[in-house]
Amino acid sequence: MDRREMTIYEALGGEETIRRLVEAFYPKVQAHPLLGPLFPEHIQPVMDKQYLFLSQFFGGPPLYSERYGHPMMRARHLPFPITPQRAEAWLDCMNSALSELQLAPELQHFVIERLRGPAMHFVNTTDGGDPT
């Protein structure tokens, strides 16, 4: 009998739920006054990358690395002015998307806490100006 721990990816419901999460998340990001201006109007390529990344990040198949190499997410976000307020706004949009999927509250909380570290790690400015 396999007694290994279930991954977050599996607990969320795998590919289908990650896709639904990304689809629920990005309209919130685009509509957010702090976040929307950072994203391109044609958001589908960003959504596709986010699906690949979240699948891998949550313990699913290494889809992002297979296509793009090591994620190096902080470096990939350096061109964008990410403030603490924007990081919190991003987490709020993700929390709202998770709630929309009606996942168990404990799982929602766990996912947000798992994403909080990377979100805060991407902060590269305090004033919304040029990244440092």
N, C-alpha and C. Protein backbone atom coordinates (compact mmCIF):
# COMPACT_ATOMS: atom_id res chain seq x y z
N MET A 1 0.83 -1.18 0.00
CA MET A 1 0.00 0.00 0.00
C MET A 1 0.88 1.25 0.00
N ASP A 2 0.57 2.21 -0.85
CA ASP A 2 1.33 3.45 -0.96
C ASP A 2 0.88 4.41 0.15
N ARG A 3 1.80 4.74 1.06
CA ARG A 3 1.45 5.58 2.20
C ARG A 3 2.07 6.98 2.08
N ARG A 4 2.46 7.38 0.88
CA ARG A 4 3.07 8.69 0.71
C ARG A 4 2.03 9.79 0.94
N GLU A 5 2.53 10.96 1.20
CA GLU A 5 1.67 12.13 1.38
C GLU A 5 1.08 12.56 0.04
N MET A 6 -0.15 13.00 0.06
CA MET A 6 -0.77 13.53 -1.13
C MET A 6 -0.18 14.91 -1.42
N THR A 7 0.10 15.19 -2.69
CA THR A 7 0.62 16.51 -3.05
C THR A 7 -0.53 17.52 -3.02
N ILE A 8 -0.16 18.80 -2.99
CA ILE A 8 -1.17 19.86 -3.08
C ILE A 8 -1.91 19.73 -4.41
N TYR A 9 -1.15 19.43 -5.46
CA TYR A 9 -1.73 19.24 -6.79
C TYR A 9 -2.84 18.20 -6.76
N GLU A 10 -2.57 17.08 -6.12
CA GLU A 10 -3.57 16.01 -6.01
C GLU A 10 -4.74 16.44 -5.11
N ALA A 11 -4.44 17.09 -3.99
CA ALA A 11 -5.49 17.53 -3.07
C ALA A 11 -6.42 18.53 -3.74
N LEU A 12 -5.86 19.36 -4.63
CA LEU A 12 -6.68 20.34 -5.34
C LEU A 12 -7.56 19.71 -6.41
N GLY A 13 -7.15 18.56 -6.90
CA GLY A 13 -7.91 17.91 -7.96
C GLY A 13 -7.16 17.85 -9.28
N GLY A 14 -5.86 18.14 -9.25
CA GLY A 14 -5.03 17.98 -10.42
C GLY A 14 -5.28 18.99 -11.53
N GLU A 15 -5.05 18.55 -12.75
CA GLU A 15 -5.08 19.42 -13.93
C GLU A 15 -6.35 20.25 -14.04
N GLU A 16 -7.50 19.61 -13.88
CA GLU A 16 -8.78 20.31 -14.06
C GLU A 16 -8.92 21.49 -13.09
N THR A 17 -8.60 21.26 -11.83
CA THR A 17 -8.77 22.32 -10.84
C THR A 17 -7.73 23.43 -11.02
N ILE A 18 -6.51 23.06 -11.38
CA ILE A 18 -5.49 24.10 -11.61
C ILE A 18 -5.92 24.98 -12.79
N ARG A 19 -6.45 24.38 -13.83
CA ARG A 19 -6.94 25.17 -14.97
C ARG A 19 -8.08 26.09 -14.55
N ARG A 20 -9.02 25.56 -13.79
CA ARG A 20 -10.15 26.37 -13.31
C ARG A 20 -9.66 27.51 -12.42
N LEU A 21 -8.66 27.23 -11.59
CA LEU A 21 -8.10 28.25 -10.71
C LEU A 21 -7.49 29.39 -11.53
N VAL A 22 -6.70 29.05 -12.52
CA VAL A 22 -6.07 30.07 -13.37
C VAL A 22 -7.13 30.87 -14.10
N GLU A 23 -8.16 30.21 -14.60
CA GLU A 23 -9.24 30.90 -15.31
C GLU A 23 -10.05 31.81 -14.40
N ALA A 24 -10.18 31.45 -13.14
CA ALA A 24 -10.89 32.30 -12.18
C ALA A 24 -10.00 33.45 -11.70
N PHE A 25 -8.71 33.22 -11.64
CA PHE A 25 -7.75 34.17 -11.09
C PHE A 25 -7.48 35.36 -12.00
N TYR A 26 -7.22 35.12 -13.27
CA TYR A 26 -6.74 36.21 -14.12
C TYR A 26 -7.74 37.31 -14.42
N PRO A 27 -9.03 37.04 -14.52
CA PRO A 27 -9.96 38.18 -14.65
C PRO A 27 -9.90 39.10 -13.42
N LYS A 28 -9.66 38.53 -12.25
CA LYS A 28 -9.54 39.34 -11.03
C LYS A 28 -8.27 40.19 -11.08
N VAL A 29 -7.19 39.59 -11.56
CA VAL A 29 -5.92 40.31 -11.70
C VAL A 29 -6.08 41.45 -12.70
N GLN A 30 -6.66 41.17 -13.85
CA GLN A 30 -6.83 42.19 -14.88
C GLN A 30 -7.69 43.35 -14.41
N ALA A 31 -8.67 43.07 -13.56
CA ALA A 31 -9.58 44.11 -13.08
C ALA A 31 -9.01 44.89 -11.90
N HIS A 32 -7.96 44.38 -11.28
CA HIS A 32 -7.40 45.02 -10.09
C HIS A 32 -6.59 46.25 -10.49
N PRO A 33 -6.84 47.40 -9.85
CA PRO A 33 -6.15 48.64 -10.25
C PRO A 33 -4.63 48.61 -10.04
N LEU A 34 -4.14 47.85 -9.08
CA LEU A 34 -2.69 47.76 -8.88
C LEU A 34 -2.02 46.73 -9.77
N LEU A 35 -2.77 45.71 -10.17
CA LEU A 35 -2.18 44.60 -10.91
C LEU A 35 -2.44 44.66 -12.41
N GLY A 36 -3.63 45.04 -12.79
CA GLY A 36 -4.02 45.03 -14.19
C GLY A 36 -3.02 45.71 -15.11
N PRO A 37 -2.51 46.90 -14.74
CA PRO A 37 -1.57 47.59 -15.63
C PRO A 37 -0.25 46.84 -15.87
N LEU A 38 0.08 45.88 -15.03
CA LEU A 38 1.32 45.12 -15.20
C LEU A 38 1.20 44.01 -16.23
N PHE A 39 -0.01 43.68 -16.62
CA PHE A 39 -0.24 42.53 -17.48
C PHE A 39 -0.65 42.95 -18.89
N PRO A 40 -0.29 42.12 -19.88
CA PRO A 40 -0.66 42.45 -21.26
C PRO A 40 -2.16 42.29 -21.46
N GLU A 41 -2.68 42.99 -22.45
CA GLU A 41 -4.10 42.87 -22.77
C GLU A 41 -4.45 41.44 -23.19
N HIS A 42 -3.58 40.85 -24.00
CA HIS A 42 -3.77 39.46 -24.43
C HIS A 42 -3.15 38.56 -23.35
N ILE A 43 -3.99 38.11 -22.44
CA ILE A 43 -3.53 37.45 -21.21
C ILE A 43 -3.33 35.93 -21.36
N GLN A 44 -3.83 35.33 -22.43
CA GLN A 44 -3.79 33.86 -22.54
C GLN A 44 -2.39 33.28 -22.39
N PRO A 45 -1.34 33.85 -23.02
CA PRO A 45 -0.01 33.26 -22.80
C PRO A 45 0.43 33.29 -21.33
N VAL A 46 0.06 34.34 -20.62
CA VAL A 46 0.38 34.43 -19.19
C VAL A 46 -0.38 33.34 -18.42
N MET A 47 -1.63 33.16 -18.77
CA MET A 47 -2.44 32.12 -18.11
C MET A 47 -1.86 30.72 -18.38
N ASP A 48 -1.43 30.50 -19.60
CA ASP A 48 -0.85 29.19 -19.94
C ASP A 48 0.41 28.93 -19.11
N LYS A 49 1.27 29.93 -18.98
CA LYS A 49 2.48 29.77 -18.18
C LYS A 49 2.13 29.56 -16.70
N GLN A 50 1.13 30.29 -16.22
CA GLN A 50 0.74 30.14 -14.81
C GLN A 50 0.22 28.74 -14.54
N TYR A 51 -0.54 28.19 -15.48
CA TYR A 51 -1.02 26.81 -15.33
C TYR A 51 0.17 25.85 -15.21
N LEU A 52 1.13 26.00 -16.12
CA LEU A 52 2.31 25.12 -16.10
C LEU A 52 3.07 25.28 -14.79
N PHE A 53 3.25 26.53 -14.36
CA PHE A 53 4.00 26.78 -13.13
C PHE A 53 3.28 26.23 -11.90
N LEU A 54 2.00 26.56 -11.75
CA LEU A 54 1.27 26.11 -10.56
C LEU A 54 1.19 24.59 -10.50
N SER A 55 1.03 23.94 -11.63
CA SER A 55 1.01 22.48 -11.65
C SER A 55 2.30 21.94 -11.01
N GLN A 56 3.42 22.47 -11.46
CA GLN A 56 4.72 22.04 -10.95
C GLN A 56 4.91 22.47 -9.50
N PHE A 57 4.59 23.71 -9.19
CA PHE A 57 4.80 24.26 -7.85
C PHE A 57 4.03 23.48 -6.79
N PHE A 58 2.85 23.00 -7.15
CA PHE A 58 2.03 22.28 -6.19
C PHE A 58 2.28 20.77 -6.19
N GLY A 59 3.32 20.31 -6.88
CA GLY A 59 3.71 18.90 -6.80
C GLY A 59 3.22 18.04 -7.94
N GLY A 60 2.68 18.65 -8.98
CA GLY A 60 2.26 17.90 -10.16
C GLY A 60 3.42 17.72 -11.11
N PRO A 61 3.12 17.39 -12.34
CA PRO A 61 4.19 17.18 -13.32
C PRO A 61 5.00 18.46 -13.55
N PRO A 62 6.30 18.32 -13.85
CA PRO A 62 7.18 19.48 -14.02
C PRO A 62 6.99 20.17 -15.38
N LEU A 63 5.76 20.56 -15.65
CA LEU A 63 5.41 21.10 -16.96
C LEU A 63 6.17 22.38 -17.29
N TYR A 64 6.31 23.27 -16.32
CA TYR A 64 6.99 24.54 -16.57
C TYR A 64 8.46 24.30 -16.92
N SER A 65 9.14 23.51 -16.11
CA SER A 65 10.56 23.24 -16.35
C SER A 65 10.79 22.52 -17.66
N GLU A 66 9.89 21.62 -18.01
CA GLU A 66 10.04 20.90 -19.27
C GLU A 66 9.98 21.85 -20.46
N ARG A 67 9.17 22.89 -20.36
CA ARG A 67 9.01 23.81 -21.49
C ARG A 67 9.97 24.99 -21.43
N TYR A 68 10.21 25.54 -20.22
CA TYR A 68 10.96 26.79 -20.11
C TYR A 68 12.26 26.68 -19.32
N GLY A 69 12.57 25.54 -18.78
CA GLY A 69 13.75 25.40 -17.94
C GLY A 69 13.41 25.77 -16.50
N HIS A 70 14.45 25.96 -15.70
CA HIS A 70 14.25 26.29 -14.28
C HIS A 70 13.35 27.53 -14.17
N PRO A 71 12.38 27.51 -13.25
CA PRO A 71 11.45 28.64 -13.15
C PRO A 71 12.10 29.99 -12.90
N MET A 72 13.11 30.09 -12.04
CA MET A 72 13.77 31.36 -11.73
C MET A 72 12.75 32.51 -11.63
N MET A 73 11.73 32.31 -10.84
CA MET A 73 10.60 33.23 -10.82
C MET A 73 10.96 34.64 -10.35
N ARG A 74 11.83 34.77 -9.39
CA ARG A 74 12.20 36.13 -8.96
C ARG A 74 12.85 36.88 -10.12
N ALA A 75 13.77 36.25 -10.81
CA ALA A 75 14.44 36.89 -11.95
C ALA A 75 13.43 37.23 -13.05
N ARG A 76 12.48 36.36 -13.29
CA ARG A 76 11.49 36.60 -14.35
C ARG A 76 10.55 37.77 -14.00
N HIS A 77 10.41 38.05 -12.70
CA HIS A 77 9.54 39.13 -12.27
C HIS A 77 10.27 40.46 -12.05
N LEU A 78 11.59 40.46 -12.11
CA LEU A 78 12.35 41.68 -11.86
C LEU A 78 12.01 42.85 -12.77
N PRO A 79 11.63 42.63 -14.04
CA PRO A 79 11.30 43.79 -14.88
C PRO A 79 10.05 44.56 -14.44
N PHE A 80 9.28 43.97 -13.54
CA PHE A 80 8.00 44.57 -13.13
C PHE A 80 8.11 45.16 -11.73
N PRO A 81 7.57 46.35 -11.51
CA PRO A 81 7.62 46.94 -10.17
C PRO A 81 6.63 46.24 -9.22
N ILE A 82 7.18 45.37 -8.40
CA ILE A 82 6.34 44.61 -7.48
C ILE A 82 6.55 45.15 -6.07
N THR A 83 5.51 45.79 -5.58
CA THR A 83 5.51 46.37 -4.24
C THR A 83 4.89 45.38 -3.26
N PRO A 84 5.07 45.61 -1.96
CA PRO A 84 4.36 44.78 -0.98
C PRO A 84 2.84 44.82 -1.21
N GLN A 85 2.32 45.99 -1.58
CA GLN A 85 0.88 46.12 -1.82
C GLN A 85 0.44 45.28 -3.02
N ARG A 86 1.26 45.25 -4.06
CA ARG A 86 0.93 44.42 -5.22
C ARG A 86 1.01 42.93 -4.89
N ALA A 87 1.99 42.55 -4.09
CA ALA A 87 2.08 41.14 -3.67
C ALA A 87 0.83 40.74 -2.89
N GLU A 88 0.40 41.60 -1.97
CA GLU A 88 -0.82 41.32 -1.20
C GLU A 88 -2.05 41.29 -2.10
N ALA A 89 -2.11 42.21 -3.06
CA ALA A 89 -3.23 42.23 -4.01
C ALA A 89 -3.27 40.94 -4.83
N TRP A 90 -2.11 40.47 -5.24
CA TRP A 90 -2.02 39.21 -5.98
C TRP A 90 -2.56 38.06 -5.13
N LEU A 91 -2.13 38.02 -3.88
CA LEU A 91 -2.62 36.97 -2.97
C LEU A 91 -4.12 37.10 -2.74
N ASP A 92 -4.63 38.32 -2.63
CA ASP A 92 -6.07 38.52 -2.46
C ASP A 92 -6.85 38.00 -3.67
N CYS A 93 -6.33 38.28 -4.87
CA CYS A 93 -6.99 37.78 -6.08
C CYS A 93 -6.97 36.25 -6.11
N MET A 94 -5.85 35.67 -5.71
CA MET A 94 -5.74 34.21 -5.68
C MET A 94 -6.70 33.64 -4.64
N ASN A 95 -6.79 34.28 -3.49
CA ASN A 95 -7.70 33.81 -2.44
C ASN A 95 -9.15 33.87 -2.92
N SER A 96 -9.48 34.94 -3.62
CA SER A 96 -10.82 35.08 -4.17
C SER A 96 -11.11 34.00 -5.21
N ALA A 97 -10.13 33.70 -6.05
CA ALA A 97 -10.30 32.64 -7.05
C ALA A 97 -10.46 31.28 -6.38
N LEU A 98 -9.69 31.03 -5.35
CA LEU A 98 -9.82 29.77 -4.61
C LEU A 98 -11.20 29.65 -3.98
N SER A 99 -11.69 30.74 -3.41
CA SER A 99 -13.03 30.74 -2.81
C SER A 99 -14.10 30.46 -3.86
N GLU A 100 -13.91 31.05 -5.04
CA GLU A 100 -14.86 30.85 -6.13
C GLU A 100 -14.97 29.37 -6.52
N LEU A 101 -13.86 28.63 -6.38
CA LEU A 101 -13.86 27.21 -6.71
C LEU A 101 -14.51 26.37 -5.62
N GLN A 102 -14.82 26.99 -4.50
CA GLN A 102 -15.49 26.33 -3.38
C GLN A 102 -14.70 25.13 -2.86
N LEU A 103 -13.39 25.34 -2.72
CA LEU A 103 -12.54 24.31 -2.13
C LEU A 103 -12.70 24.37 -0.62
N ALA A 104 -12.28 23.31 0.03
CA ALA A 104 -12.34 23.28 1.50
C ALA A 104 -11.55 24.46 2.05
N PRO A 105 -12.10 25.16 3.05
CA PRO A 105 -11.40 26.33 3.61
C PRO A 105 -9.97 26.03 4.06
N GLU A 106 -9.73 24.85 4.64
CA GLU A 106 -8.39 24.50 5.10
C GLU A 106 -7.43 24.40 3.92
N LEU A 107 -7.91 23.86 2.80
CA LEU A 107 -7.07 23.74 1.61
C LEU A 107 -6.79 25.12 1.02
N GLN A 108 -7.81 25.97 0.98
CA GLN A 108 -7.62 27.34 0.49
C GLN A 108 -6.55 28.05 1.31
N HIS A 109 -6.66 27.95 2.62
CA HIS A 109 -5.70 28.60 3.51
C HIS A 109 -4.29 28.04 3.28
N PHE A 110 -4.18 26.75 3.16
CA PHE A 110 -2.89 26.11 2.94
C PHE A 110 -2.26 26.59 1.64
N VAL A 111 -3.05 26.67 0.57
CA VAL A 111 -2.55 27.12 -0.73
C VAL A 111 -2.06 28.56 -0.65
N ILE A 112 -2.85 29.43 -0.02
CA ILE A 112 -2.45 30.84 0.09
C ILE A 112 -1.16 30.97 0.90
N GLU A 113 -1.06 30.23 1.98
CA GLU A 113 0.16 30.30 2.78
C GLU A 113 1.36 29.75 2.02
N ARG A 114 1.15 28.76 1.19
CA ARG A 114 2.23 28.20 0.36
C ARG A 114 2.68 29.22 -0.69
N LEU A 115 1.76 30.05 -1.18
CA LEU A 115 2.08 31.06 -2.19
C LEU A 115 2.61 32.37 -1.58
N ARG A 116 2.36 32.58 -0.30
CA ARG A 116 2.75 33.84 0.34
C ARG A 116 4.26 34.08 0.28
N GLY A 117 5.05 33.06 0.57
CA GLY A 117 6.51 33.22 0.55
C GLY A 117 7.02 33.67 -0.81
N PRO A 118 6.69 32.95 -1.88
CA PRO A 118 7.14 33.41 -3.20
C PRO A 118 6.60 34.79 -3.55
N ALA A 119 5.35 35.08 -3.26
CA ALA A 119 4.78 36.39 -3.59
C ALA A 119 5.58 37.51 -2.93
N MET A 120 5.94 37.33 -1.69
CA MET A 120 6.71 38.35 -0.98
C MET A 120 8.16 38.38 -1.45
N HIS A 121 8.67 37.25 -1.89
CA HIS A 121 10.03 37.18 -2.40
C HIS A 121 10.19 37.98 -3.70
N PHE A 122 9.10 38.14 -4.44
CA PHE A 122 9.15 38.87 -5.71
C PHE A 122 9.15 40.39 -5.52
N VAL A 123 8.87 40.86 -4.31
CA VAL A 123 8.84 42.31 -4.05
C VAL A 123 10.22 42.87 -4.37
N ASN A 124 10.22 43.91 -5.23
CA ASN A 124 11.50 44.49 -5.66
C ASN A 124 11.51 46.02 -5.59
N THR A 125 10.44 46.60 -5.08
CA THR A 125 10.38 48.06 -4.92
C THR A 125 9.34 48.38 -3.86
N THR A 126 9.45 49.54 -3.28
CA THR A 126 8.46 49.93 -2.26
C THR A 126 7.51 50.98 -2.76
N ASP A 127 7.83 51.63 -3.88
CA ASP A 127 7.03 52.77 -4.31
C ASP A 127 6.32 52.62 -5.65
N GLY A 128 6.43 51.47 -6.28
CA GLY A 128 5.77 51.29 -7.57
C GLY A 128 6.58 51.81 -8.73
N GLY A 129 7.75 52.35 -8.45
CA GLY A 129 8.62 52.85 -9.52
C GLY A 129 9.44 51.73 -10.11
N ASP A 130 10.61 52.08 -10.55
CA ASP A 130 11.49 51.07 -11.17
C ASP A 130 11.90 50.02 -10.15
N PRO A 131 11.94 48.75 -10.59
CA PRO A 131 12.39 47.68 -9.71
C PRO A 131 13.85 47.90 -9.31
N THR A 132 14.16 47.44 -8.11
CA THR A 132 15.55 47.52 -7.64
C THR A 132 16.16 46.16 -7.54
